[in-house]
Amino acid sequence: QVQLVESGGGLVQAGGSLRLSCTASETIFSLYSLGWHRQGPGKERELLASVNSAGSTYYADSVKGRFTISRDDAKKTLYLQMNSLKPEDTATYYCAARHIVEHEYRYWGQGTQVTVSS
């Protein structure tokens, strides 16, 4: 069982930046692909960015060029650097993990709220 805990959310003005962190419980962190998702009010949850065990990344078009995903396997921590934030980025942000042999994200954090004011 992998436990994930997000932190770093908060209130920021449009154009500002935040960095989210997601720390995992004791596990072989390097064997997991990791992703950041978000769910805004009245919206479906969407995958924003992911990074696999080899370090390859994926970004949704909505955040490409503004958000950067990274991982530190030694610290068992996943990061999401968010720049040029917009009011439409307001959502609850979740980190998730899946073992490299699995196709679906199995483990989820509790979420951290990001609110961007105009």
C-alpha atoms as a PDB file:
ATOM      1  CA  GLN A   1       0.000   0.000   0.000  1.00  0.00           C
ATOM      2  CA  VAL A   2       1.396   3.359  -1.052  1.00  0.00           C
ATOM      3  CA  GLN A   3       0.291   6.448   0.848  1.00  0.00           C
ATOM      4  CA  LEU A   4       0.625   9.836  -0.793  1.00  0.00           C
ATOM      5  CA  VAL A   5       0.421  13.208   0.927  1.00  0.00           C
ATOM      6  CA  GLU A   6       0.201  16.451  -1.044  1.00  0.00           C
ATOM      7  CA  SER A   7       1.172  19.883   0.196  1.00  0.00           C
ATOM      8  CA  GLY A   8       1.814  23.346  -1.155  1.00  0.00           C
ATOM      9  CA  GLY A   9      -1.639  24.450  -2.243  1.00  0.00           C
ATOM     10  CA  GLY A  10      -3.078  27.820  -1.369  1.00  0.00           C
ATOM     11  CA  LEU A  11      -4.410  31.118  -2.627  1.00  0.00           C
ATOM     12  CA  VAL A  12      -2.430  33.004  -5.259  1.00  0.00           C
ATOM     13  CA  GLN A  13      -3.119  35.882  -7.621  1.00  0.00           C
ATOM     14  CA  ALA A  14      -3.327  35.352 -11.349  1.00  0.00           C
ATOM     15  CA  GLY A  15       0.154  35.296 -12.849  1.00  0.00           C
ATOM     16  CA  GLY A  16       1.668  33.938  -9.670  1.00  0.00           C
ATOM     17  CA  SER A  17       3.377  30.639  -8.933  1.00  0.00           C
ATOM     18  CA  LEU A  18       3.011  27.716  -6.571  1.00  0.00           C
ATOM     19  CA  ARG A  19       4.917  24.498  -6.090  1.00  0.00           C
ATOM     20  CA  LEU A  20       3.058  21.392  -5.043  1.00  0.00           C
ATOM     21  CA  SER A  21       4.765  18.466  -3.375  1.00  0.00           C
ATOM     22  CA  CYS A  22       3.651  14.876  -2.934  1.00  0.00           C
ATOM     23  CA  THR A  23       5.519  12.634  -0.545  1.00  0.00           C
ATOM     24  CA  ALA A  24       5.161   8.841  -0.571  1.00  0.00           C
ATOM     25  CA  SER A  25       5.242   6.358   2.242  1.00  0.00           C
ATOM     26  CA  GLU A  26       7.936   3.752   2.480  1.00  0.00           C
ATOM     27  CA  THR A  27       8.069   2.058  -0.892  1.00  0.00           C
ATOM     28  CA  ILE A  28      10.384   1.558  -3.811  1.00  0.00           C
ATOM     29  CA  PHE A  29       9.397   4.925  -5.231  1.00  0.00           C
ATOM     30  CA  SER A  30      11.466   4.554  -8.378  1.00  0.00           C
ATOM     31  CA  LEU A  31       9.259   1.682  -9.581  1.00  0.00           C
ATOM     32  CA  TYR A  32       6.195   3.908  -9.872  1.00  0.00           C
ATOM     33  CA  SER A  33       4.931   6.190 -12.587  1.00  0.00           C
ATOM     34  CA  LEU A  34       3.514   9.345 -11.072  1.00  0.00           C
ATOM     35  CA  GLY A  35       1.008  11.930 -12.123  1.00  0.00           C
ATOM     36  CA  TRP A  36      -0.705  15.141 -11.104  1.00  0.00           C
ATOM     37  CA  HIS A  37      -4.434  15.445 -11.684  1.00  0.00           C
ATOM     38  CA  ARG A  38      -6.924  18.151 -10.839  1.00  0.00           C
ATOM     39  CA  GLN A  39     -10.658  18.499 -10.480  1.00  0.00           C
ATOM     40  CA  GLY A  40     -12.263  21.899 -10.683  1.00  0.00           C
ATOM     41  CA  PRO A  41     -15.785  22.831  -9.551  1.00  0.00           C
ATOM     42  CA  GLY A  42     -18.301  21.039 -11.746  1.00  0.00           C
ATOM     43  CA  LYS A  43     -15.576  19.507 -13.880  1.00  0.00           C
ATOM     44  CA  GLU A  44     -14.247  16.024 -14.403  1.00  0.00           C
ATOM     45  CA  ARG A  45     -10.884  15.065 -13.044  1.00  0.00           C
ATOM     46  CA  GLU A  46      -8.129  15.530 -15.608  1.00  0.00           C
ATOM     47  CA  LEU A  47      -4.549  14.355 -15.884  1.00  0.00           C
ATOM     48  CA  LEU A  48      -2.233  17.372 -16.057  1.00  0.00           C
ATOM     49  CA  ALA A  49       1.212  15.875 -16.101  1.00  0.00           C
ATOM     50  CA  SER A  50       2.991  12.606 -15.537  1.00  0.00           C
ATOM     51  CA  VAL A  51       6.502  11.290 -15.199  1.00  0.00           C
ATOM     52  CA  ASN A  52       7.524   7.664 -15.546  1.00  0.00           C
ATOM     53  CA  SER A  53      10.314   5.771 -13.857  1.00  0.00           C
ATOM     54  CA  ALA A  54      12.741   6.714 -16.646  1.00  0.00           C
ATOM     55  CA  GLY A  55      11.966  10.405 -16.250  1.00  0.00           C
ATOM     56  CA  SER A  56       9.915  10.839 -19.406  1.00  0.00           C
ATOM     57  CA  THR A  57       7.174  13.412 -19.004  1.00  0.00           C
ATOM     58  CA  TYR A  58       3.746  14.159 -20.401  1.00  0.00           C
ATOM     59  CA  TYR A  59       1.789  17.408 -20.179  1.00  0.00           C
ATOM     60  CA  ALA A  60      -1.784  18.245 -21.018  1.00  0.00           C
ATOM     61  CA  ASP A  61      -2.140  21.080 -23.500  1.00  0.00           C
ATOM     62  CA  SER A  62      -3.820  23.216 -20.858  1.00  0.00           C
ATOM     63  CA  VAL A  63      -0.647  23.394 -18.753  1.00  0.00           C
ATOM     64  CA  LYS A  64       2.148  22.833 -21.252  1.00  0.00           C
ATOM     65  CA  GLY A  65       4.772  25.540 -20.967  1.00  0.00           C
ATOM     66  CA  ARG A  66       3.463  26.718 -17.577  1.00  0.00           C
ATOM     67  CA  PHE A  67       3.708  23.654 -15.319  1.00  0.00           C
ATOM     68  CA  THR A  68       6.720  21.423 -14.726  1.00  0.00           C
ATOM     69  CA  ILE A  69       6.579  17.979 -13.163  1.00  0.00           C
ATOM     70  CA  SER A  70       9.626  16.484 -11.500  1.00  0.00           C
ATOM     71  CA  ARG A  71      10.497  13.704  -9.104  1.00  0.00           C
ATOM     72  CA  ASP A  72      13.178  13.074  -6.505  1.00  0.00           C
ATOM     73  CA  ASP A  73      13.289   9.340  -5.919  1.00  0.00           C
ATOM     74  CA  ALA A  74      15.747   9.649  -3.047  1.00  0.00           C
ATOM     75  CA  LYS A  75      13.275  11.876  -1.201  1.00  0.00           C
ATOM     76  CA  LYS A  76      10.266   9.878  -2.466  1.00  0.00           C
ATOM     77  CA  THR A  77       8.726  13.154  -3.522  1.00  0.00           C
ATOM     78  CA  LEU A  78       6.902  14.345  -6.615  1.00  0.00           C
ATOM     79  CA  TYR A  79       6.702  18.033  -7.481  1.00  0.00           C
ATOM     80  CA  LEU A  80       4.579  20.252  -9.672  1.00  0.00           C
ATOM     81  CA  GLN A  81       5.924  23.731 -10.319  1.00  0.00           C
ATOM     82  CA  MET A  82       3.066  25.919 -11.503  1.00  0.00           C
ATOM     83  CA  ASN A  83       3.826  29.276 -13.107  1.00  0.00           C
ATOM     84  CA  SER A  84       1.663  31.893 -14.815  1.00  0.00           C
ATOM     85  CA  LEU A  85      -1.363  30.663 -12.931  1.00  0.00           C
ATOM     86  CA  LYS A  86      -4.815  31.536 -14.234  1.00  0.00           C
ATOM     87  CA  PRO A  87      -8.195  31.642 -12.469  1.00  0.00           C
ATOM     88  CA  GLU A  88      -9.210  28.576 -14.475  1.00  0.00           C
ATOM     89  CA  ASP A  89      -6.435  26.641 -12.734  1.00  0.00           C
ATOM     90  CA  THR A  90      -8.503  26.791  -9.556  1.00  0.00           C
ATOM     91  CA  ALA A  91      -9.105  23.186  -8.506  1.00  0.00           C
ATOM     92  CA  THR A  92      -8.223  20.444  -6.079  1.00  0.00           C
ATOM     93  CA  TYR A  93      -4.931  18.915  -7.148  1.00  0.00           C
ATOM     94  CA  TYR A  94      -4.172  15.257  -6.601  1.00  0.00           C
ATOM     95  CA  CYS A  95      -1.024  13.222  -7.013  1.00  0.00           C
ATOM     96  CA  ALA A  96      -1.316   9.597  -8.023  1.00  0.00           C
ATOM     97  CA  ALA A  97       0.957   6.614  -8.470  1.00  0.00           C
ATOM     98  CA  ARG A  98       0.862   3.398 -10.404  1.00  0.00           C
ATOM     99  CA  HIS A  99       3.382   0.588 -10.435  1.00  0.00           C
ATOM    100  CA  ILE A 100       5.287   0.339 -13.713  1.00  0.00           C
ATOM    101  CA  VAL A 101       3.500  -2.950 -14.568  1.00  0.00           C
ATOM    102  CA  GLU A 102       0.049  -1.420 -14.100  1.00  0.00           C
ATOM    103  CA  HIS A 103      -1.954   0.749 -16.483  1.00  0.00           C
ATOM    104  CA  GLU A 104      -4.227   2.598 -14.078  1.00  0.00           C
ATOM    105  CA  TYR A 105      -3.349   4.889 -11.203  1.00  0.00           C
ATOM    106  CA  ARG A 106      -4.014   2.870  -8.085  1.00  0.00           C
ATOM    107  CA  TYR A 107      -2.858   5.158  -5.295  1.00  0.00           C
ATOM    108  CA  TRP A 108      -4.121   8.689  -4.690  1.00  0.00           C
ATOM    109  CA  GLY A 109      -3.397  11.490  -2.287  1.00  0.00           C
ATOM    110  CA  GLN A 110      -6.074  13.367  -0.406  1.00  0.00           C
ATOM    111  CA  GLY A 111      -5.775  16.460  -2.566  1.00  0.00           C
ATOM    112  CA  THR A 112      -4.637  20.021  -2.009  1.00  0.00           C
ATOM    113  CA  GLN A 113      -6.670  23.091  -2.940  1.00  0.00           C
ATOM    114  CA  VAL A 114      -5.309  25.692  -5.326  1.00  0.00           C
ATOM    115  CA  THR A 115      -7.261  28.910  -5.734  1.00  0.00           C
ATOM    116  CA  VAL A 116      -6.205  31.541  -8.243  1.00  0.00           C
ATOM    117  CA  SER A 117      -7.795  34.959  -7.870  1.00  0.00           C
ATOM    118  CA  SER A 118      -8.217  37.352 -10.761  1.00  0.00           C
END
